[in-house]
Amino acid sequence: MQSEWKRDPKVWGAIVAALLFWASAFAGIRAAFGGHGGADALGYGAGEVALGRFLTASMVLAAWALATRMRAPDPRDIWHIALAGLLGITVYHVALNFGELTVTAGAASLIISANPIFTAVLSTMFLGERLSGWGWSGVTVSFLGVALIAFGEGGTVSFEPAALLVLLAAMATALYFIVSKPLLKKYSALEFTAYAIWAGTVPMLVFAPGLIEQHQVASHSATLSVLYLGVFPGAIAYALWSYALARMPASLLSSFLYAQPVIAVIIAWFWLAEIPALLTIAGGLISLAGVVVVNAKGVQRVSARST
């Protein structure tokens, strides 16, 4: 029963679609910034992009909730849900957006790819999951592959103080997976996604004055990028990931995030005509090989708590 997800095409479809949408967000965020990473006459600032993205996602999920008469969360779960939203929505996206204003794309992808390691350690501590020796080997191989992608981006990886913000984002999303897992036993993927996104959007309202002001001068393409980020990498991708997380171990699911920079490189290749270096291609293949190893032989169970 615990491994039924291995034969469920819906789970695999949800993972693939979520990764595709999240990988496309890198180009979307760049477009929303207006090409300069700041609040100029072309685009939006980092905090304003995060707020605009999740206001859009919140409205999409609110429409779905009204149409389906979605139940309200149990009052006893409010603080648990609020913590998930704070970690996975507020902290992750605000920290990542501000970090990427100065951190190179290669360095950011390398730091974010520490997430599966954080998730594996936390899953062992709190969810009763454990990666086998093969699993840790696969995680290591994937991390090395992402490192090659980072170096292939420009030959060097330049870490700046803002890299700590990207590291904070990686840790926040790992904690989000751990906090979310028990709630997904009680709520559907769409219910939990709606609650978490609504909760995570509220603290970002501090950027509302800037968003209103910048909207007056932002280009249509920047605004459309924010809307895209909210609907697809926002509402839809988070719901799909929650669907998969409810059905498989968090430590295993997080290993698929190593494929995200690989997919992002491919999307940039076709969308932005950014041809990857041979080192980047080699890193992508190595990273994907590590994901295969983790998926095939990676997870052991040490407790019934994670069933």
C-alpha atoms as a PDB file:
ATOM      1  CA  MET A   1       0.000   0.000   0.000  1.00  0.00           C
ATOM      2  CA  GLN A   2       2.829   2.379   0.848  1.00  0.00           C
ATOM      3  CA  SER A   3       4.272   2.234  -2.675  1.00  0.00           C
ATOM      4  CA  GLU A   4       1.062   2.373  -4.734  1.00  0.00           C
ATOM      5  CA  TRP A   5       2.203   5.765  -6.006  1.00  0.00           C
ATOM      6  CA  LYS A   6       4.904   3.974  -8.021  1.00  0.00           C
ATOM      7  CA  ARG A   7       2.205   2.615 -10.323  1.00  0.00           C
ATOM      8  CA  ASP A   8      -0.005   5.690 -10.334  1.00  0.00           C
ATOM      9  CA  PRO A   9       0.385   7.752 -13.531  1.00  0.00           C
ATOM     10  CA  LYS A  10      -1.434  10.668 -11.862  1.00  0.00           C
ATOM     11  CA  VAL A  11       1.370  11.043  -9.317  1.00  0.00           C
ATOM     12  CA  TRP A  12       4.060  11.011 -12.004  1.00  0.00           C
ATOM     13  CA  GLY A  13       2.069  13.415 -14.152  1.00  0.00           C
ATOM     14  CA  ALA A  14       1.708  15.800 -11.205  1.00  0.00           C
ATOM     15  CA  ILE A  15       5.466  15.714 -10.529  1.00  0.00           C
ATOM     16  CA  VAL A  16       6.413  16.342 -14.159  1.00  0.00           C
ATOM     17  CA  ALA A  17       3.911  19.173 -14.614  1.00  0.00           C
ATOM     18  CA  ALA A  18       4.910  20.874 -11.347  1.00  0.00           C
ATOM     19  CA  LEU A  19       8.595  20.715 -12.241  1.00  0.00           C
ATOM     20  CA  LEU A  20       7.924  22.122 -15.713  1.00  0.00           C
ATOM     21  CA  PHE A  21       5.958  25.049 -14.314  1.00  0.00           C
ATOM     22  CA  TRP A  22       8.479  25.794 -11.561  1.00  0.00           C
ATOM     23  CA  ALA A  23      11.385  25.583 -14.005  1.00  0.00           C
ATOM     24  CA  SER A  24       9.640  28.056 -16.303  1.00  0.00           C
ATOM     25  CA  ALA A  25       9.345  30.487 -13.395  1.00  0.00           C
ATOM     26  CA  PHE A  26      13.004  31.496 -13.732  1.00  0.00           C
ATOM     27  CA  ALA A  27      12.324  33.104 -17.105  1.00  0.00           C
ATOM     28  CA  GLY A  28       9.019  34.472 -15.827  1.00  0.00           C
ATOM     29  CA  ILE A  29      10.647  36.182 -12.858  1.00  0.00           C
ATOM     30  CA  ARG A  30      13.268  37.751 -15.119  1.00  0.00           C
ATOM     31  CA  ALA A  31      10.532  39.111 -17.358  1.00  0.00           C
ATOM     32  CA  ALA A  32       8.581  40.428 -14.359  1.00  0.00           C
ATOM     33  CA  PHE A  33      11.668  42.286 -13.151  1.00  0.00           C
ATOM     34  CA  GLY A  34      11.742  44.047 -16.512  1.00  0.00           C
ATOM     35  CA  GLY A  35      15.214  42.760 -17.277  1.00  0.00           C
ATOM     36  CA  HIS A  36      16.938  44.805 -14.561  1.00  0.00           C
ATOM     37  CA  GLY A  37      15.981  43.055 -11.337  1.00  0.00           C
ATOM     38  CA  GLY A  38      14.514  46.207  -9.848  1.00  0.00           C
ATOM     39  CA  ALA A  39      11.576  48.544  -9.741  1.00  0.00           C
ATOM     40  CA  ASP A  40      12.087  50.651 -12.833  1.00  0.00           C
ATOM     41  CA  ALA A  41       9.685  51.857 -15.510  1.00  0.00           C
ATOM     42  CA  LEU A  42       9.665  48.431 -17.143  1.00  0.00           C
ATOM     43  CA  GLY A  43       8.995  45.954 -14.391  1.00  0.00           C
ATOM     44  CA  TYR A  44       8.439  45.200 -10.729  1.00  0.00           C
ATOM     45  CA  GLY A  45      10.654  44.940  -7.661  1.00  0.00           C
ATOM     46  CA  ALA A  46      11.470  41.644  -5.965  1.00  0.00           C
ATOM     47  CA  GLY A  47       8.891  41.917  -3.186  1.00  0.00           C
ATOM     48  CA  GLU A  48       6.249  43.232  -5.548  1.00  0.00           C
ATOM     49  CA  VAL A  49       6.740  40.296  -7.915  1.00  0.00           C
ATOM     50  CA  ALA A  50       6.239  37.891  -5.011  1.00  0.00           C
ATOM     51  CA  LEU A  51       3.063  39.662  -3.868  1.00  0.00           C
ATOM     52  CA  GLY A  52       1.627  40.035  -7.375  1.00  0.00           C
ATOM     53  CA  ARG A  53       2.313  36.381  -8.091  1.00  0.00           C
ATOM     54  CA  PHE A  54       0.524  35.102  -5.020  1.00  0.00           C
ATOM     55  CA  LEU A  55      -2.313  37.599  -5.096  1.00  0.00           C
ATOM     56  CA  THR A  56      -3.027  36.137  -8.514  1.00  0.00           C
ATOM     57  CA  ALA A  57      -2.727  32.587  -7.196  1.00  0.00           C
ATOM     58  CA  SER A  58      -4.959  33.481  -4.235  1.00  0.00           C
ATOM     59  CA  MET A  59      -7.690  34.813  -6.504  1.00  0.00           C
ATOM     60  CA  VAL A  60      -7.565  31.725  -8.729  1.00  0.00           C
ATOM     61  CA  LEU A  61      -7.883  29.451  -5.699  1.00  0.00           C
ATOM     62  CA  ALA A  62     -10.619  31.635  -4.187  1.00  0.00           C
ATOM     63  CA  ALA A  63     -12.674  31.254  -7.372  1.00  0.00           C
ATOM     64  CA  TRP A  64     -12.204  27.486  -7.205  1.00  0.00           C
ATOM     65  CA  ALA A  65     -13.135  27.458  -3.508  1.00  0.00           C
ATOM     66  CA  LEU A  66     -16.369  29.367  -4.153  1.00  0.00           C
ATOM     67  CA  ALA A  67     -17.295  27.196  -7.127  1.00  0.00           C
ATOM     68  CA  THR A  68     -16.805  23.974  -5.171  1.00  0.00           C
ATOM     69  CA  ARG A  69     -17.959  25.278  -1.776  1.00  0.00           C
ATOM     70  CA  MET A  70     -14.668  24.246  -0.264  1.00  0.00           C
ATOM     71  CA  ARG A  71     -14.823  23.490   3.454  1.00  0.00           C
ATOM     72  CA  ALA A  72     -13.119  25.767   5.941  1.00  0.00           C
ATOM     73  CA  PRO A  73     -10.051  24.428   7.748  1.00  0.00           C
ATOM     74  CA  ASP A  74     -10.338  23.009  11.243  1.00  0.00           C
ATOM     75  CA  PRO A  75      -9.653  25.901  13.668  1.00  0.00           C
ATOM     76  CA  ARG A  76      -7.158  23.643  15.446  1.00  0.00           C
ATOM     77  CA  ASP A  77      -5.057  23.566  12.254  1.00  0.00           C
ATOM     78  CA  ILE A  78      -4.959  27.324  11.619  1.00  0.00           C
ATOM     79  CA  TRP A  79      -1.539  27.922  13.150  1.00  0.00           C
ATOM     80  CA  HIS A  80      -0.116  24.804  11.497  1.00  0.00           C
ATOM     81  CA  ILE A  81      -1.385  26.010   8.126  1.00  0.00           C
ATOM     82  CA  ALA A  82      -0.121  29.536   8.804  1.00  0.00           C
ATOM     83  CA  LEU A  83       3.350  28.162   9.533  1.00  0.00           C
ATOM     84  CA  ALA A  84       3.340  26.211   6.261  1.00  0.00           C
ATOM     85  CA  GLY A  85       2.289  29.308   4.323  1.00  0.00           C
ATOM     86  CA  LEU A  86       4.876  31.475   6.045  1.00  0.00           C
ATOM     87  CA  LEU A  87       7.690  29.032   5.231  1.00  0.00           C
ATOM     88  CA  GLY A  88       6.745  27.830   1.749  1.00  0.00           C
ATOM     89  CA  ILE A  89       5.222  31.003   0.336  1.00  0.00           C
ATOM     90  CA  THR A  90       6.344  34.114   2.238  1.00  0.00           C
ATOM     91  CA  VAL A  91       9.886  33.275   3.308  1.00  0.00           C
ATOM     92  CA  TYR A  92      10.806  31.151   0.297  1.00  0.00           C
ATOM     93  CA  HIS A  93       9.672  33.538  -2.435  1.00  0.00           C
ATOM     94  CA  VAL A  94      10.628  36.837  -0.810  1.00  0.00           C
ATOM     95  CA  ALA A  95      14.091  35.539   0.151  1.00  0.00           C
ATOM     96  CA  LEU A  96      14.677  33.970  -3.267  1.00  0.00           C
ATOM     97  CA  ASN A  97      13.531  37.038  -5.212  1.00  0.00           C
ATOM     98  CA  PHE A  98      15.714  39.420  -3.224  1.00  0.00           C
ATOM     99  CA  GLY A  99      18.636  37.001  -3.336  1.00  0.00           C
ATOM    100  CA  GLU A 100      18.456  36.700  -7.100  1.00  0.00           C
ATOM    101  CA  LEU A 101      18.809  40.455  -7.508  1.00  0.00           C
ATOM    102  CA  THR A 102      22.564  40.026  -7.036  1.00  0.00           C
ATOM    103  CA  VAL A 103      23.344  36.289  -6.878  1.00  0.00           C
ATOM    104  CA  THR A 104      24.149  34.719 -10.240  1.00  0.00           C
ATOM    105  CA  ALA A 105      21.670  32.231 -11.660  1.00  0.00           C
ATOM    106  CA  GLY A 106      24.222  29.409 -11.447  1.00  0.00           C
ATOM    107  CA  ALA A 107      25.006  30.095  -7.793  1.00  0.00           C
ATOM    108  CA  ALA A 108      21.319  30.389  -6.918  1.00  0.00           C
ATOM    109  CA  SER A 109      20.469  27.060  -8.556  1.00  0.00           C
ATOM    110  CA  LEU A 110      23.330  25.400  -6.703  1.00  0.00           C
ATOM    111  CA  ILE A 111      22.213  26.749  -3.325  1.00  0.00           C
ATOM    112  CA  ILE A 112      18.528  25.929  -3.865  1.00  0.00           C
ATOM    113  CA  SER A 113      19.527  22.409  -4.813  1.00  0.00           C
ATOM    114  CA  ALA A 114      20.588  21.827  -1.209  1.00  0.00           C
ATOM    115  CA  ASN A 115      16.844  21.506  -0.515  1.00  0.00           C
ATOM    116  CA  PRO A 116      16.638  17.708  -0.998  1.00  0.00           C
ATOM    117  CA  ILE A 117      19.460  17.236   1.497  1.00  0.00           C
ATOM    118  CA  PHE A 118      17.697  19.413   4.079  1.00  0.00           C
ATOM    119  CA  THR A 119      14.435  17.585   3.380  1.00  0.00           C
ATOM    120  CA  ALA A 120      16.039  14.143   3.726  1.00  0.00           C
ATOM    121  CA  VAL A 121      17.550  15.061   7.117  1.00  0.00           C
ATOM    122  CA  LEU A 122      14.318  16.615   8.395  1.00  0.00           C
ATOM    123  CA  SER A 123      12.256  13.678   7.102  1.00  0.00           C
ATOM    124  CA  THR A 124      14.439  11.331   9.117  1.00  0.00           C
ATOM    125  CA  MET A 125      13.940  13.439  12.234  1.00  0.00           C
ATOM    126  CA  PHE A 126      10.215  14.159  11.978  1.00  0.00           C
ATOM    127  CA  LEU A 127       8.497  11.826   9.478  1.00  0.00           C
ATOM    128  CA  GLY A 128      10.140   8.481  10.172  1.00  0.00           C
ATOM    129  CA  GLU A 129      11.650   8.306   6.685  1.00  0.00           C
ATOM    130  CA  ARG A 130      15.215   7.295   5.963  1.00  0.00           C
ATOM    131  CA  LEU A 131      17.306   7.340   2.836  1.00  0.00           C
ATOM    132  CA  SER A 132      19.299   4.180   2.242  1.00  0.00           C
ATOM    133  CA  GLY A 133      22.968   4.232   1.305  1.00  0.00           C
ATOM    134  CA  TRP A 134      21.875   4.192  -2.331  1.00  0.00           C
ATOM    135  CA  GLY A 135      19.596   7.130  -1.616  1.00  0.00           C
ATOM    136  CA  TRP A 136      22.344   9.274  -0.124  1.00  0.00           C
ATOM    137  CA  SER A 137      24.617   8.291  -3.005  1.00  0.00           C
ATOM    138  CA  GLY A 138      21.987   9.456  -5.476  1.00  0.00           C
ATOM    139  CA  VAL A 139      21.517  12.749  -3.619  1.00  0.00           C
ATOM    140  CA  THR A 140      25.285  13.329  -3.696  1.00  0.00           C
ATOM    141  CA  VAL A 141      25.517  12.524  -7.410  1.00  0.00           C
ATOM    142  CA  SER A 142      22.634  14.884  -8.189  1.00  0.00           C
ATOM    143  CA  PHE A 143      24.186  17.676  -6.131  1.00  0.00           C
ATOM    144  CA  LEU A 144      27.465  17.269  -8.024  1.00  0.00           C
ATOM    145  CA  GLY A 145      25.550  17.408 -11.289  1.00  0.00           C
ATOM    146  CA  VAL A 146      23.889  20.671 -10.294  1.00  0.00           C
ATOM    147  CA  ALA A 147      27.319  22.015  -9.313  1.00  0.00           C
ATOM    148  CA  LEU A 148      28.501  21.318 -12.874  1.00  0.00           C
ATOM    149  CA  ILE A 149      25.443  23.144 -14.207  1.00  0.00           C
ATOM    150  CA  ALA A 150      26.321  26.124 -12.032  1.00  0.00           C
ATOM    151  CA  PHE A 151      29.907  26.203 -13.293  1.00  0.00           C
ATOM    152  CA  GLY A 152      28.708  25.666 -16.846  1.00  0.00           C
ATOM    153  CA  GLU A 153      26.555  28.778 -16.574  1.00  0.00           C
ATOM    154  CA  GLY A 154      29.563  31.055 -16.714  1.00  0.00           C
ATOM    155  CA  GLY A 155      32.720  29.242 -15.743  1.00  0.00           C
ATOM    156  CA  THR A 156      32.704  30.463 -12.139  1.00  0.00           C
ATOM    157  CA  VAL A 157      30.255  30.639  -9.268  1.00  0.00           C
ATOM    158  CA  SER A 158      30.371  33.984  -7.464  1.00  0.00           C
ATOM    159  CA  PHE A 159      28.817  33.865  -4.004  1.00  0.00           C
ATOM    160  CA  GLU A 160      27.707  37.159  -2.492  1.00  0.00           C
ATOM    161  CA  PRO A 161      26.227  38.002   0.927  1.00  0.00           C
ATOM    162  CA  ALA A 162      22.784  37.767  -0.678  1.00  0.00           C
ATOM    163  CA  ALA A 163      23.501  34.076  -1.199  1.00  0.00           C
ATOM    164  CA  LEU A 164      22.456  33.651   2.431  1.00  0.00           C
ATOM    165  CA  LEU A 165      18.949  34.715   1.380  1.00  0.00           C
ATOM    166  CA  VAL A 166      18.884  31.962  -1.250  1.00  0.00           C
ATOM    167  CA  LEU A 167      20.108  29.461   1.359  1.00  0.00           C
ATOM    168  CA  LEU A 168      17.303  30.642   3.650  1.00  0.00           C
ATOM    169  CA  ALA A 169      14.854  29.984   0.815  1.00  0.00           C
ATOM    170  CA  ALA A 170      16.173  26.427   0.370  1.00  0.00           C
ATOM    171  CA  MET A 171      15.824  25.726   4.078  1.00  0.00           C
ATOM    172  CA  ALA A 172      12.357  27.298   4.224  1.00  0.00           C
ATOM    173  CA  THR A 173      10.958  25.140   1.433  1.00  0.00           C
ATOM    174  CA  ALA A 174      12.426  21.986   3.017  1.00  0.00           C
ATOM    175  CA  LEU A 175      10.647  22.873   6.262  1.00  0.00           C
ATOM    176  CA  TYR A 176       7.488  23.561   4.241  1.00  0.00           C
ATOM    177  CA  PHE A 177       7.512  19.989   2.901  1.00  0.00           C
ATOM    178  CA  ILE A 178       7.882  18.590   6.424  1.00  0.00           C
ATOM    179  CA  VAL A 179       5.173  20.811   7.920  1.00  0.00           C
ATOM    180  CA  SER A 180       2.813  20.080   5.020  1.00  0.00           C
ATOM    181  CA  LYS A 181       3.025  16.289   5.103  1.00  0.00           C
ATOM    182  CA  PRO A 182       0.763  15.681   8.158  1.00  0.00           C
ATOM    183  CA  LEU A 183      -1.811  18.227   6.956  1.00  0.00           C
ATOM    184  CA  LEU A 184      -2.126  16.435   3.607  1.00  0.00           C
ATOM    185  CA  LYS A 185      -3.505  13.414   5.463  1.00  0.00           C
ATOM    186  CA  LYS A 186      -6.466  15.545   6.516  1.00  0.00           C
ATOM    187  CA  TYR A 187      -6.992  17.903   3.581  1.00  0.00           C
ATOM    188  CA  SER A 188      -6.993  17.430  -0.173  1.00  0.00           C
ATOM    189  CA  ALA A 189      -4.111  18.816  -2.210  1.00  0.00           C
ATOM    190  CA  LEU A 190      -6.212  21.715  -3.513  1.00  0.00           C
ATOM    191  CA  GLU A 191      -7.632  22.521  -0.082  1.00  0.00           C
ATOM    192  CA  PHE A 192      -4.241  22.613   1.562  1.00  0.00           C
ATOM    193  CA  THR A 193      -2.686  24.576  -1.321  1.00  0.00           C
ATOM    194  CA  ALA A 194      -5.413  27.205  -1.059  1.00  0.00           C
ATOM    195  CA  TYR A 195      -5.047  27.544   2.715  1.00  0.00           C
ATOM    196  CA  ALA A 196      -1.241  27.738   2.571  1.00  0.00           C
ATOM    197  CA  ILE A 197      -1.117  30.255  -0.288  1.00  0.00           C
ATOM    198  CA  TRP A 198      -3.718  32.496   1.327  1.00  0.00           C
ATOM    199  CA  ALA A 199      -1.830  32.377   4.635  1.00  0.00           C
ATOM    200  CA  GLY A 200       1.518  33.013   2.950  1.00  0.00           C
ATOM    201  CA  THR A 201       0.222  35.941   0.898  1.00  0.00           C
ATOM    202  CA  VAL A 202      -1.009  37.961   3.887  1.00  0.00           C
ATOM    203  CA  PRO A 203       2.481  38.924   5.223  1.00  0.00           C
ATOM    204  CA  MET A 204       3.528  40.008   1.731  1.00  0.00           C
ATOM    205  CA  LEU A 205       0.849  42.703   1.722  1.00  0.00           C
ATOM    206  CA  VAL A 206       3.564  45.009   3.083  1.00  0.00           C
ATOM    207  CA  PHE A 207       4.611  45.296  -0.583  1.00  0.00           C
ATOM    208  CA  ALA A 208       1.106  46.383  -1.678  1.00  0.00           C
ATOM    209  CA  PRO A 209       1.855  50.148  -1.953  1.00  0.00           C
ATOM    210  CA  GLY A 210       4.883  49.442  -4.131  1.00  0.00           C
ATOM    211  CA  LEU A 211       2.928  46.984  -6.279  1.00  0.00           C
ATOM    212  CA  ILE A 212       0.180  49.532  -6.896  1.00  0.00           C
ATOM    213  CA  GLU A 213       2.700  52.248  -7.761  1.00  0.00           C
ATOM    214  CA  GLN A 214       4.831  50.055 -10.024  1.00  0.00           C
ATOM    215  CA  HIS A 215       1.792  48.676 -11.837  1.00  0.00           C
ATOM    216  CA  GLN A 216       1.150  52.156 -13.213  1.00  0.00           C
ATOM    217  CA  VAL A 217       4.453  52.183 -15.125  1.00  0.00           C
ATOM    218  CA  ALA A 218       5.215  48.488 -15.655  1.00  0.00           C
ATOM    219  CA  SER A 219       5.181  47.090 -19.179  1.00  0.00           C
ATOM    220  CA  HIS A 220       2.367  44.808 -20.262  1.00  0.00           C
ATOM    221  CA  SER A 221       4.827  41.962 -20.703  1.00  0.00           C
ATOM    222  CA  ALA A 222       6.040  42.335 -17.106  1.00  0.00           C
ATOM    223  CA  THR A 223       2.473  42.318 -15.801  1.00  0.00           C
ATOM    224  CA  LEU A 224       1.566  39.288 -17.916  1.00  0.00           C
ATOM    225  CA  SER A 225       4.636  37.532 -16.516  1.00  0.00           C
ATOM    226  CA  VAL A 226       3.428  38.167 -12.961  1.00  0.00           C
ATOM    227  CA  LEU A 227      -0.001  36.780 -13.872  1.00  0.00           C
ATOM    228  CA  TYR A 228       1.595  33.720 -15.458  1.00  0.00           C
ATOM    229  CA  LEU A 229       3.716  33.148 -12.342  1.00  0.00           C
ATOM    230  CA  GLY A 230       0.606  33.265 -10.179  1.00  0.00           C
ATOM    231  CA  VAL A 231      -1.560  30.892 -12.195  1.00  0.00           C
ATOM    232  CA  PHE A 232       0.885  28.219 -13.370  1.00  0.00           C
ATOM    233  CA  PRO A 233       4.070  28.105 -11.226  1.00  0.00           C
ATOM    234  CA  GLY A 234       1.881  29.434  -8.394  1.00  0.00           C
ATOM    235  CA  ALA A 235      -1.577  27.928  -7.862  1.00  0.00           C
ATOM    236  CA  ILE A 236      -1.394  24.966 -10.243  1.00  0.00           C
ATOM    237  CA  ALA A 237       2.172  23.815  -9.528  1.00  0.00           C
ATOM    238  CA  TYR A 238       1.750  23.995  -5.745  1.00  0.00           C
ATOM    239  CA  ALA A 239      -1.497  21.996  -5.931  1.00  0.00           C
ATOM    240  CA  LEU A 240       0.152  19.342  -8.105  1.00  0.00           C
ATOM    241  CA  TRP A 241       3.160  19.088  -5.770  1.00  0.00           C
ATOM    242  CA  SER A 242       0.860  18.767  -2.744  1.00  0.00           C
ATOM    243  CA  TYR A 243      -0.998  15.963  -4.535  1.00  0.00           C
ATOM    244  CA  ALA A 244       2.265  14.056  -4.988  1.00  0.00           C
ATOM    245  CA  LEU A 245       3.508  14.871  -1.468  1.00  0.00           C
ATOM    246  CA  ALA A 246       0.352  13.365   0.029  1.00  0.00           C
ATOM    247  CA  ARG A 247       1.145  10.044  -1.679  1.00  0.00           C
ATOM    248  CA  MET A 248       4.909   9.530  -1.423  1.00  0.00           C
ATOM    249  CA  PRO A 249       7.780  10.146   1.023  1.00  0.00           C
ATOM    250  CA  ALA A 250       8.864  13.773   1.289  1.00  0.00           C
ATOM    251  CA  SER A 251      12.554  12.843   1.111  1.00  0.00           C
ATOM    252  CA  LEU A 252      12.029  10.980  -2.156  1.00  0.00           C
ATOM    253  CA  LEU A 253       9.786  13.585  -3.742  1.00  0.00           C
ATOM    254  CA  SER A 254      12.244  16.375  -2.956  1.00  0.00           C
ATOM    255  CA  SER A 255      14.963  14.538  -4.901  1.00  0.00           C
ATOM    256  CA  PHE A 256      13.078  15.354  -8.098  1.00  0.00           C
ATOM    257  CA  LEU A 257      13.876  19.021  -7.493  1.00  0.00           C
ATOM    258  CA  TYR A 258      17.357  18.233  -8.791  1.00  0.00           C
ATOM    259  CA  ALA A 259      15.732  17.984 -12.213  1.00  0.00           C
ATOM    260  CA  GLN A 260      14.442  21.555 -11.980  1.00  0.00           C
ATOM    261  CA  PRO A 261      17.643  23.378 -13.049  1.00  0.00           C
ATOM    262  CA  VAL A 262      18.049  20.818 -15.837  1.00  0.00           C
ATOM    263  CA  ILE A 263      14.562  21.593 -17.130  1.00  0.00           C
ATOM    264  CA  ALA A 264      15.179  25.325 -16.667  1.00  0.00           C
ATOM    265  CA  VAL A 265      18.257  25.114 -18.895  1.00  0.00           C
ATOM    266  CA  ILE A 266      16.240  23.320 -21.591  1.00  0.00           C
ATOM    267  CA  ILE A 267      13.405  25.861 -21.401  1.00  0.00           C
ATOM    268  CA  ALA A 268      15.901  28.749 -21.646  1.00  0.00           C
ATOM    269  CA  TRP A 269      17.475  27.014 -24.639  1.00  0.00           C
ATOM    270  CA  PHE A 270      14.204  27.020 -26.587  1.00  0.00           C
ATOM    271  CA  TRP A 271      12.489  30.086 -25.094  1.00  0.00           C
ATOM    272  CA  LEU A 272      15.413  32.505 -24.723  1.00  0.00           C
ATOM    273  CA  ALA A 273      17.871  30.983 -27.213  1.00  0.00           C
ATOM    274  CA  GLU A 274      20.405  30.516 -24.408  1.00  0.00           C
ATOM    275  CA  ILE A 275      22.535  27.625 -25.665  1.00  0.00           C
ATOM    276  CA  PRO A 276      23.942  25.627 -22.711  1.00  0.00           C
ATOM    277  CA  ALA A 277      27.638  24.831 -22.431  1.00  0.00           C
ATOM    278  CA  LEU A 278      28.810  21.225 -22.703  1.00  0.00           C
ATOM    279  CA  LEU A 279      29.579  21.294 -18.975  1.00  0.00           C
ATOM    280  CA  THR A 280      25.979  22.284 -18.305  1.00  0.00           C
ATOM    281  CA  ILE A 281      24.655  19.405 -20.422  1.00  0.00           C
ATOM    282  CA  ALA A 282      26.976  16.938 -18.654  1.00  0.00           C
ATOM    283  CA  GLY A 283      25.861  18.251 -15.263  1.00  0.00           C
ATOM    284  CA  GLY A 284      22.226  17.840 -16.255  1.00  0.00           C
ATOM    285  CA  LEU A 285      22.723  14.217 -17.253  1.00  0.00           C
ATOM    286  CA  ILE A 286      24.593  13.458 -14.023  1.00  0.00           C
ATOM    287  CA  SER A 287      21.928  15.178 -11.926  1.00  0.00           C
ATOM    288  CA  LEU A 288      19.135  13.203 -13.573  1.00  0.00           C
ATOM    289  CA  ALA A 289      21.079   9.975 -13.055  1.00  0.00           C
ATOM    290  CA  GLY A 290      21.190  10.730  -9.349  1.00  0.00           C
ATOM    291  CA  VAL A 291      17.421  11.250  -9.292  1.00  0.00           C
ATOM    292  CA  VAL A 292      16.954   7.837 -10.922  1.00  0.00           C
ATOM    293  CA  VAL A 293      19.118   6.198  -8.237  1.00  0.00           C
ATOM    294  CA  VAL A 294      17.199   7.845  -5.394  1.00  0.00           C
ATOM    295  CA  ASN A 295      13.877   6.924  -6.953  1.00  0.00           C
ATOM    296  CA  ALA A 296      14.841   3.301  -7.577  1.00  0.00           C
ATOM    297  CA  LYS A 297      16.580   2.375  -4.335  1.00  0.00           C
ATOM    298  CA  GLY A 298      16.610   5.421  -2.118  1.00  0.00           C
ATOM    299  CA  VAL A 299      14.025   5.292   0.660  1.00  0.00           C
ATOM    300  CA  GLN A 300      13.668   3.047   3.679  1.00  0.00           C
ATOM    301  CA  ARG A 301      10.971   3.194   6.303  1.00  0.00           C
ATOM    302  CA  VAL A 302      11.799   3.219   9.976  1.00  0.00           C
ATOM    303  CA  SER A 303       8.428   4.128  11.418  1.00  0.00           C
ATOM    304  CA  ALA A 304       4.723   3.875  10.656  1.00  0.00           C
ATOM    305  CA  ARG A 305       4.387   7.618  11.139  1.00  0.00           C
ATOM    306  CA  SER A 306       5.109   8.298   7.463  1.00  0.00           C
ATOM    307  CA  THR A 307       2.538   5.945   5.980  1.00  0.00           C
END
